[in-house]
Protein backbone atom coordinates (compact mmCIF):
# COMPACT_ATOMS: atom_id res chain seq x y z
CA UNK A 1 17.62 -7.64 15.19
CA UNK A 2 18.16 -10.22 17.24
CA UNK A 3 14.94 -12.86 18.53
CA UNK A 4 15.98 -11.80 21.76
CA UNK A 5 15.78 -7.35 21.12
CA UNK A 6 11.89 -8.34 19.58
CA UNK A 7 10.84 -10.35 22.74
CA UNK A 8 12.12 -7.60 24.60
CA UNK A 9 9.81 -5.56 23.01
CA UNK A 10 7.06 -7.20 23.06
CA UNK A 11 6.85 -8.68 19.50
CA UNK A 12 5.11 -7.15 16.80
CA UNK A 13 1.93 -7.42 18.23
CA UNK A 14 1.51 -4.34 20.34
CA UNK A 15 2.31 -2.48 17.20
CA UNK A 16 -0.55 -3.78 15.17
CA UNK A 17 -2.87 -0.20 16.05
CA UNK A 18 -0.30 2.11 15.03
CA UNK A 19 -0.33 4.24 11.40
CA UNK A 20 3.38 4.59 11.19
CA UNK A 21 4.82 0.91 13.23
CA UNK A 22 7.89 0.44 11.59
CA UNK A 23 8.85 4.24 12.63
CA UNK A 24 7.26 2.88 16.82
CA UNK A 25 9.24 -0.28 15.86
CA UNK A 26 12.25 1.81 16.17
CA UNK A 27 11.46 3.98 19.04
CA UNK A 28 10.68 1.03 20.26
CA UNK A 29 13.73 -0.61 20.20
CA UNK A 30 15.51 2.24 20.78
CA UNK A 31 14.32 2.39 24.69
CA UNK A 32 15.42 -1.07 25.07
CA UNK A 33 19.20 0.07 24.99
CA UNK A 34 18.95 -1.10 21.19
CA UNK A 35 20.62 0.24 18.08
CA UNK A 36 18.92 1.36 15.39
CA UNK A 37 21.43 1.43 11.93
CA UNK A 38 20.20 3.06 8.34
CA UNK A 39 21.50 0.33 5.41
CA UNK A 40 23.59 1.14 3.40
CA UNK A 41 21.64 0.15 0.33
CA UNK A 42 19.21 1.37 -1.35
CA UNK A 43 16.06 -0.11 -2.78
CA UNK A 44 14.46 0.41 -5.91
CA UNK A 45 10.85 0.12 -5.80
CA UNK A 46 8.72 0.74 -8.82
CA UNK A 47 4.78 0.36 -9.26
CA UNK A 48 2.51 1.48 -12.44
CA UNK A 49 1.67 5.10 -12.96
CA UNK A 50 -1.08 6.58 -10.14
CA UNK A 51 -3.89 8.37 -10.67
CA UNK A 52 -4.94 12.27 -9.37
CA UNK A 53 -7.06 9.90 -5.95
CA UNK A 54 -4.14 7.46 -5.62
CA UNK A 55 -1.14 10.51 -5.49
CA UNK A 56 -3.83 12.43 -3.05
CA UNK A 57 -4.50 9.05 -0.78
CA UNK A 58 -0.48 8.70 -0.72
CA UNK A 59 0.05 12.58 0.35
CA UNK A 60 -2.64 12.13 2.92
CA UNK A 61 -1.56 9.17 4.72
CA UNK A 62 2.22 9.89 4.90
CA UNK A 63 1.06 13.96 6.07
CA UNK A 64 -1.20 11.76 9.20
CA UNK A 65 2.11 9.69 9.45
CA UNK A 66 4.19 12.66 10.46
CA UNK A 67 1.80 14.27 12.12
CA UNK A 68 1.39 11.61 14.84
CA UNK A 69 4.97 10.91 14.87
CA UNK A 70 6.25 14.44 14.50
CA UNK A 71 3.75 17.04 15.63
CA UNK A 72 6.56 19.48 15.67
CA UNK A 73 7.98 18.75 12.47
CA UNK A 74 4.24 18.80 10.54
CA UNK A 75 3.27 22.25 11.35
CA UNK A 76 6.71 23.54 10.31
CA UNK A 77 6.33 22.03 7.12
CA UNK A 78 3.94 24.36 6.50
CA UNK A 79 7.09 26.92 6.26
CA UNK A 80 8.96 24.24 3.55
CA UNK A 81 5.59 24.33 0.91
CA UNK A 82 6.65 25.31 -2.22
CA UNK A 83 3.02 26.22 -3.32
CA UNK A 84 1.84 28.49 -0.35
CA UNK A 85 3.68 31.19 -0.15
CA UNK A 86 3.76 32.14 -4.03
CA UNK A 87 -0.12 31.87 -2.90
CA UNK A 88 -0.14 33.86 -0.51
CA UNK A 89 1.79 36.52 -2.42
CA UNK A 90 -0.63 37.09 -5.15
CA UNK A 91 -3.67 36.69 -2.60
CA UNK A 92 -1.27 39.75 -0.53
CA UNK A 93 -1.03 41.92 -4.05
CA UNK A 94 -3.64 44.36 -4.53
CA UNK A 95 -3.27 44.61 -8.26
CA UNK A 96 -2.18 41.32 -9.57
CA UNK A 97 -1.19 42.51 -12.96
CA UNK A 98 1.91 44.47 -10.89
CA UNK A 99 3.26 40.73 -9.76
CA UNK A 100 4.15 40.28 -13.89
CA UNK A 101 6.19 42.57 -13.46
CA UNK A 102 7.62 42.46 -10.12
CA UNK A 103 8.12 38.27 -11.46
CA UNK A 104 10.04 39.50 -14.75
CA UNK A 105 12.60 41.59 -12.38
CA UNK A 106 13.20 38.48 -9.82
CA UNK A 107 13.85 36.31 -12.58
CA UNK A 108 17.22 34.66 -13.75
CA UNK A 109 16.96 34.04 -17.16
């Protein structure tokens, strides 16, 4: 990004209080008429394995970021939740033992 564009959008200081500062930076550049491009380079990040607490905090932060930046996408994300639908199916079943029969009939193996 050229320094002139950074000056035009007010620098980095206005982004300090945003949860998704990178998203806001891109949005401000686009609003000012700048061009947003995705890099063709893949960045590989490695870190030590995390415990459940760290993973939960990370997922929660991502969810908050999506909720703030794209509320409709956040709301619709429940439709793609891989855990929700089987749990609802289990709860809706009057006799969970019957689900084994249905599951066997639907299996592909």
